[in-house]
N, C-alpha and C. Protein backbone atom coordinates (compact mmCIF):
# COMPACT_ATOMS: atom_id res chain seq x y z
N UNK A 1 -31.73 32.90 -93.65
CA UNK A 1 -31.82 31.69 -92.85
C UNK A 1 -33.25 31.59 -92.29
N UNK A 2 -34.07 30.69 -92.86
CA UNK A 2 -35.44 30.57 -92.37
C UNK A 2 -35.50 29.90 -91.02
N UNK A 3 -36.46 30.33 -90.19
CA UNK A 3 -36.60 29.78 -88.85
C UNK A 3 -37.37 28.46 -88.85
N UNK A 4 -38.03 28.12 -89.96
CA UNK A 4 -38.85 26.91 -90.03
C UNK A 4 -38.12 25.76 -90.68
N UNK A 5 -36.82 25.81 -90.75
CA UNK A 5 -36.03 24.79 -91.42
C UNK A 5 -36.19 23.44 -90.73
N UNK A 6 -36.30 22.38 -91.51
CA UNK A 6 -36.56 21.04 -90.99
C UNK A 6 -35.27 20.41 -90.48
N UNK A 7 -35.34 19.75 -89.34
CA UNK A 7 -34.20 19.03 -88.79
C UNK A 7 -34.41 17.55 -89.12
N UNK A 8 -33.41 16.92 -89.75
CA UNK A 8 -33.50 15.51 -90.11
C UNK A 8 -33.38 14.63 -88.86
N UNK A 9 -33.97 13.46 -88.92
CA UNK A 9 -33.82 12.47 -87.86
C UNK A 9 -32.74 11.50 -88.30
N UNK A 10 -31.55 11.59 -87.71
CA UNK A 10 -30.43 10.73 -88.11
C UNK A 10 -30.45 9.38 -87.41
N UNK A 11 -31.29 9.20 -86.39
CA UNK A 11 -31.44 7.94 -85.67
C UNK A 11 -30.11 7.47 -85.09
N UNK A 12 -29.40 8.37 -84.44
CA UNK A 12 -28.12 8.06 -83.83
C UNK A 12 -28.31 8.09 -82.31
N UNK A 13 -28.00 6.99 -81.61
CA UNK A 13 -28.20 6.98 -80.16
C UNK A 13 -27.22 7.91 -79.45
N UNK A 14 -27.65 8.42 -78.31
CA UNK A 14 -26.83 9.28 -77.43
C UNK A 14 -26.48 10.63 -78.04
N UNK A 15 -27.17 11.05 -79.12
CA UNK A 15 -26.91 12.35 -79.71
C UNK A 15 -28.25 13.04 -79.93
N UNK A 16 -28.37 14.24 -79.37
CA UNK A 16 -29.58 15.04 -79.57
C UNK A 16 -29.37 15.99 -80.73
N UNK A 17 -30.42 16.30 -81.50
CA UNK A 17 -30.26 17.29 -82.57
C UNK A 17 -29.98 18.67 -81.99
N UNK A 18 -29.24 19.51 -82.70
CA UNK A 18 -28.91 20.84 -82.17
C UNK A 18 -30.14 21.73 -82.08
N UNK A 19 -30.11 22.65 -81.13
CA UNK A 19 -31.24 23.57 -80.93
C UNK A 19 -31.19 24.73 -81.91
N UNK A 20 -29.99 25.08 -82.38
CA UNK A 20 -29.84 26.17 -83.34
C UNK A 20 -30.07 25.65 -84.76
N UNK A 21 -30.40 26.57 -85.66
CA UNK A 21 -30.59 26.25 -87.08
C UNK A 21 -29.47 26.91 -87.85
N UNK A 22 -28.89 26.18 -88.81
CA UNK A 22 -27.80 26.75 -89.60
C UNK A 22 -28.11 26.62 -91.08
N UNK A 23 -27.35 27.32 -91.90
CA UNK A 23 -27.51 27.25 -93.35
C UNK A 23 -26.30 26.62 -94.01
N UNK A 24 -25.54 25.83 -93.25
CA UNK A 24 -24.35 25.15 -93.76
C UNK A 24 -24.78 23.98 -94.66
N UNK A 25 -24.38 23.94 -95.93
CA UNK A 25 -24.79 22.82 -96.79
C UNK A 25 -24.15 21.49 -96.39
N UNK A 26 -23.04 21.54 -95.64
CA UNK A 26 -22.37 20.31 -95.18
C UNK A 26 -22.77 19.95 -93.76
N UNK A 27 -23.95 20.32 -93.33
CA UNK A 27 -24.46 19.97 -92.01
C UNK A 27 -25.31 18.71 -92.15
N UNK A 28 -25.09 17.68 -91.32
CA UNK A 28 -25.92 16.47 -91.45
C UNK A 28 -27.34 16.67 -90.94
N UNK A 29 -27.58 17.68 -90.11
CA UNK A 29 -28.91 17.92 -89.55
C UNK A 29 -29.75 18.82 -90.44
N UNK A 30 -29.15 19.89 -91.01
CA UNK A 30 -29.91 20.88 -91.77
C UNK A 30 -29.51 20.95 -93.23
N UNK A 31 -28.42 20.33 -93.62
CA UNK A 31 -27.93 20.41 -94.99
C UNK A 31 -28.18 19.12 -95.76
N UNK A 32 -27.33 18.86 -96.75
CA UNK A 32 -27.50 17.71 -97.62
C UNK A 32 -26.44 16.63 -97.41
N UNK A 33 -25.57 16.79 -96.41
CA UNK A 33 -24.50 15.82 -96.18
C UNK A 33 -25.06 14.56 -95.53
N UNK A 34 -24.77 13.40 -96.12
CA UNK A 34 -25.26 12.13 -95.59
C UNK A 34 -24.17 11.46 -94.76
N UNK A 35 -24.59 10.85 -93.66
CA UNK A 35 -23.67 10.13 -92.79
C UNK A 35 -23.79 8.66 -93.12
N UNK A 36 -22.65 8.03 -93.45
CA UNK A 36 -22.63 6.60 -93.72
C UNK A 36 -21.31 6.05 -93.25
N UNK A 37 -21.30 4.80 -92.87
CA UNK A 37 -20.06 4.19 -92.40
C UNK A 37 -20.01 4.15 -90.89
N UNK A 38 -18.85 4.41 -90.33
CA UNK A 38 -18.63 4.21 -88.91
C UNK A 38 -19.00 5.45 -88.10
N UNK A 39 -19.38 5.23 -86.85
CA UNK A 39 -19.57 6.29 -85.87
C UNK A 39 -18.50 6.13 -84.81
N UNK A 40 -17.80 7.21 -84.47
CA UNK A 40 -16.71 7.15 -83.51
C UNK A 40 -16.93 8.18 -82.42
N UNK A 41 -16.37 7.90 -81.24
CA UNK A 41 -16.38 8.85 -80.13
C UNK A 41 -14.96 9.32 -79.90
N UNK A 42 -14.82 10.56 -79.49
CA UNK A 42 -13.50 11.09 -79.23
C UNK A 42 -13.57 12.38 -78.45
N UNK A 43 -12.40 12.93 -78.18
CA UNK A 43 -12.27 14.17 -77.43
C UNK A 43 -11.70 15.22 -78.37
N UNK A 44 -12.29 16.41 -78.37
CA UNK A 44 -11.83 17.50 -79.23
C UNK A 44 -10.49 18.00 -78.70
N UNK A 45 -9.48 18.01 -79.58
CA UNK A 45 -8.17 18.53 -79.21
C UNK A 45 -8.01 19.99 -79.60
N UNK A 46 -8.33 20.31 -80.86
CA UNK A 46 -8.18 21.67 -81.34
C UNK A 46 -9.46 22.09 -82.07
N UNK A 47 -9.81 23.35 -81.91
CA UNK A 47 -10.97 23.90 -82.61
C UNK A 47 -10.64 25.30 -83.09
N UNK A 48 -9.50 25.45 -83.74
CA UNK A 48 -9.04 26.77 -84.16
C UNK A 48 -9.56 27.17 -85.53
N UNK A 49 -9.75 26.21 -86.42
CA UNK A 49 -10.21 26.53 -87.77
C UNK A 49 -11.68 26.92 -87.74
N UNK A 50 -12.15 27.51 -88.82
CA UNK A 50 -13.51 28.04 -88.86
C UNK A 50 -14.55 26.92 -88.75
N UNK A 51 -14.43 25.90 -89.56
CA UNK A 51 -15.42 24.82 -89.56
C UNK A 51 -14.76 23.44 -89.46
N UNK A 52 -13.66 23.34 -88.73
CA UNK A 52 -12.97 22.06 -88.59
C UNK A 52 -12.44 21.90 -87.18
N UNK A 53 -12.47 20.66 -86.68
CA UNK A 53 -11.90 20.34 -85.37
C UNK A 53 -11.02 19.11 -85.51
N UNK A 54 -10.06 18.96 -84.60
CA UNK A 54 -9.25 17.76 -84.51
C UNK A 54 -9.75 16.94 -83.33
N UNK A 55 -10.08 15.68 -83.59
CA UNK A 55 -10.64 14.80 -82.57
C UNK A 55 -9.67 13.66 -82.31
N UNK A 56 -9.36 13.40 -81.04
CA UNK A 56 -8.49 12.29 -80.65
C UNK A 56 -9.38 11.10 -80.33
N UNK A 57 -9.26 10.02 -81.15
CA UNK A 57 -10.05 8.79 -80.97
C UNK A 57 -9.13 7.73 -80.36
N UNK A 58 -9.48 7.24 -79.17
CA UNK A 58 -8.68 6.21 -78.49
C UNK A 58 -9.39 4.87 -78.59
N UNK A 59 -8.62 3.82 -78.82
CA UNK A 59 -9.19 2.48 -78.97
C UNK A 59 -8.19 1.45 -78.47
N UNK A 60 -8.65 0.21 -78.29
CA UNK A 60 -7.79 -0.89 -77.86
C UNK A 60 -7.42 -1.75 -79.06
N UNK A 61 -6.15 -2.13 -79.14
CA UNK A 61 -5.65 -2.99 -80.21
C UNK A 61 -5.07 -4.25 -79.59
N UNK A 62 -5.47 -5.41 -80.12
CA UNK A 62 -4.99 -6.68 -79.59
C UNK A 62 -3.66 -7.03 -80.25
N UNK A 63 -2.62 -7.19 -79.43
CA UNK A 63 -1.29 -7.57 -79.90
C UNK A 63 -1.15 -9.08 -79.77
N UNK A 64 -1.04 -9.78 -80.92
CA UNK A 64 -1.00 -11.24 -80.90
C UNK A 64 0.27 -11.78 -80.26
N UNK A 65 1.38 -11.07 -80.46
CA UNK A 65 2.66 -11.56 -79.95
C UNK A 65 2.65 -11.65 -78.43
N UNK A 66 2.14 -10.63 -77.76
CA UNK A 66 2.14 -10.61 -76.31
C UNK A 66 0.79 -11.03 -75.71
N UNK A 67 -0.17 -11.31 -76.58
CA UNK A 67 -1.48 -11.82 -76.17
C UNK A 67 -2.16 -10.88 -75.17
N UNK A 68 -2.16 -9.61 -75.50
CA UNK A 68 -2.82 -8.63 -74.63
C UNK A 68 -3.20 -7.40 -75.46
N UNK A 69 -3.98 -6.53 -74.85
CA UNK A 69 -4.43 -5.32 -75.51
C UNK A 69 -3.52 -4.16 -75.19
N UNK A 70 -3.41 -3.23 -76.13
CA UNK A 70 -2.67 -2.00 -75.90
C UNK A 70 -3.52 -0.82 -76.35
N UNK A 71 -3.35 0.31 -75.67
CA UNK A 71 -4.10 1.50 -76.03
C UNK A 71 -3.43 2.17 -77.22
N UNK A 72 -4.26 2.57 -78.18
CA UNK A 72 -3.78 3.34 -79.31
C UNK A 72 -4.71 4.52 -79.52
N UNK A 73 -4.23 5.53 -80.20
CA UNK A 73 -5.07 6.68 -80.48
C UNK A 73 -4.76 7.21 -81.86
N UNK A 74 -5.73 7.91 -82.41
CA UNK A 74 -5.59 8.46 -83.74
C UNK A 74 -6.24 9.84 -83.76
N UNK A 75 -5.60 10.78 -84.45
CA UNK A 75 -6.15 12.12 -84.58
C UNK A 75 -6.93 12.18 -85.90
N UNK A 76 -8.19 12.61 -85.82
CA UNK A 76 -9.08 12.65 -86.98
C UNK A 76 -9.57 14.09 -87.15
N UNK A 77 -9.50 14.60 -88.37
CA UNK A 77 -10.05 15.91 -88.67
C UNK A 77 -11.51 15.74 -89.04
N UNK A 78 -12.38 16.59 -88.48
CA UNK A 78 -13.81 16.49 -88.72
C UNK A 78 -14.39 17.86 -89.01
N UNK A 79 -15.40 17.89 -89.87
CA UNK A 79 -16.11 19.13 -90.19
C UNK A 79 -17.05 19.48 -89.04
N UNK A 80 -17.07 20.75 -88.64
CA UNK A 80 -17.95 21.21 -87.57
C UNK A 80 -18.99 22.15 -88.16
N UNK A 81 -20.27 21.72 -88.17
CA UNK A 81 -21.32 22.62 -88.68
C UNK A 81 -21.47 23.85 -87.79
N UNK A 82 -22.11 24.88 -88.35
CA UNK A 82 -22.29 26.13 -87.61
C UNK A 82 -23.23 25.98 -86.42
N UNK A 83 -24.14 25.01 -86.46
CA UNK A 83 -25.15 24.87 -85.41
C UNK A 83 -24.64 24.13 -84.18
N UNK A 84 -23.44 23.54 -84.23
CA UNK A 84 -22.90 22.79 -83.11
C UNK A 84 -21.70 23.54 -82.55
N UNK A 85 -21.76 23.87 -81.27
CA UNK A 85 -20.66 24.59 -80.61
C UNK A 85 -19.87 23.60 -79.76
N UNK A 86 -18.60 23.41 -80.10
CA UNK A 86 -17.72 22.54 -79.33
C UNK A 86 -16.45 23.30 -78.98
N UNK A 87 -15.85 22.92 -77.85
CA UNK A 87 -14.61 23.50 -77.39
C UNK A 87 -13.61 22.38 -77.14
N UNK A 88 -12.33 22.67 -77.05
CA UNK A 88 -11.36 21.63 -76.71
C UNK A 88 -11.69 20.99 -75.38
N UNK A 89 -11.65 19.65 -75.34
CA UNK A 89 -11.98 18.90 -74.13
C UNK A 89 -13.36 18.29 -74.16
N UNK A 90 -14.22 18.69 -75.10
CA UNK A 90 -15.57 18.13 -75.20
C UNK A 90 -15.52 16.73 -75.81
N UNK A 91 -16.37 15.83 -75.29
CA UNK A 91 -16.50 14.50 -75.87
C UNK A 91 -17.58 14.56 -76.94
N UNK A 92 -17.23 14.17 -78.16
CA UNK A 92 -18.15 14.30 -79.28
C UNK A 92 -18.33 12.96 -79.99
N UNK A 93 -19.39 12.88 -80.77
CA UNK A 93 -19.64 11.74 -81.66
C UNK A 93 -19.45 12.24 -83.08
N UNK A 94 -18.61 11.54 -83.85
CA UNK A 94 -18.38 11.91 -85.24
C UNK A 94 -18.80 10.76 -86.13
N UNK A 95 -19.24 11.09 -87.34
CA UNK A 95 -19.68 10.08 -88.29
C UNK A 95 -18.96 10.22 -89.61
N UNK A 96 -18.78 9.11 -90.29
CA UNK A 96 -18.10 9.11 -91.57
C UNK A 96 -19.04 9.64 -92.65
N UNK A 97 -18.48 10.40 -93.58
CA UNK A 97 -19.27 10.95 -94.68
C UNK A 97 -18.38 10.99 -95.92
N UNK A 98 -18.89 11.60 -96.97
CA UNK A 98 -18.07 11.75 -98.17
C UNK A 98 -16.94 12.73 -97.87
N UNK A 99 -15.86 12.73 -98.66
CA UNK A 99 -14.77 13.68 -98.41
C UNK A 99 -15.24 15.12 -98.58
N UNK A 100 -15.10 15.90 -97.52
CA UNK A 100 -15.45 17.32 -97.57
C UNK A 100 -14.27 18.13 -98.08
N UNK A 101 -13.06 17.71 -97.74
CA UNK A 101 -11.84 18.32 -98.25
C UNK A 101 -10.76 17.24 -98.34
N UNK A 102 -9.51 17.65 -98.50
CA UNK A 102 -8.44 16.67 -98.66
C UNK A 102 -8.27 15.78 -97.43
N UNK A 103 -8.38 16.34 -96.24
CA UNK A 103 -8.15 15.56 -95.02
C UNK A 103 -9.40 15.32 -94.20
N UNK A 104 -10.51 15.95 -94.54
CA UNK A 104 -11.72 15.86 -93.73
C UNK A 104 -12.69 14.87 -94.36
N UNK A 105 -12.92 13.75 -93.64
CA UNK A 105 -13.84 12.72 -94.10
C UNK A 105 -14.85 12.33 -93.03
N UNK A 106 -14.92 13.13 -91.96
CA UNK A 106 -15.85 12.91 -90.86
C UNK A 106 -16.57 14.22 -90.57
N UNK A 107 -17.72 14.12 -89.90
CA UNK A 107 -18.49 15.29 -89.51
C UNK A 107 -18.91 15.13 -88.05
N UNK A 108 -18.89 16.24 -87.30
CA UNK A 108 -19.32 16.23 -85.90
C UNK A 108 -20.84 16.15 -85.86
N UNK A 109 -21.36 15.14 -85.15
CA UNK A 109 -22.81 14.96 -85.05
C UNK A 109 -23.37 15.61 -83.81
N UNK A 110 -22.57 15.73 -82.76
CA UNK A 110 -23.03 16.38 -81.55
C UNK A 110 -22.15 16.02 -80.38
N UNK A 111 -22.46 16.63 -79.26
CA UNK A 111 -21.74 16.34 -78.02
C UNK A 111 -22.36 15.10 -77.40
N UNK A 112 -21.53 14.16 -76.98
CA UNK A 112 -22.01 12.89 -76.42
C UNK A 112 -22.64 13.13 -75.06
N UNK A 113 -23.79 12.48 -74.85
CA UNK A 113 -24.44 12.57 -73.55
C UNK A 113 -23.67 11.73 -72.56
N UNK A 114 -23.65 12.15 -71.30
CA UNK A 114 -22.94 11.40 -70.28
C UNK A 114 -23.89 10.48 -69.56
């Protein structure tokens, strides 16, 4: 793992690049994984797997019948690079990428600034 590894500029607001350097090929900062599509915010629910976390994404859905909004949430599996340390309860920003596995189609970009 070279110490002079280049960190890409992803141009994502409210996310700082990680201070650690990793050799994960599926890292958007140090590897070859490209982020395209939607960016979502959520709260980490589980971080038990080696390189995967479950993120709860909450959003508002407009119900036409009752003419009002309702809260909905969805659990999304995301790849966690080695250079980003997250724990359950952390607010993170995830980005859409190519399918990394059968259920993982998002990658953790970093912890959201408050």
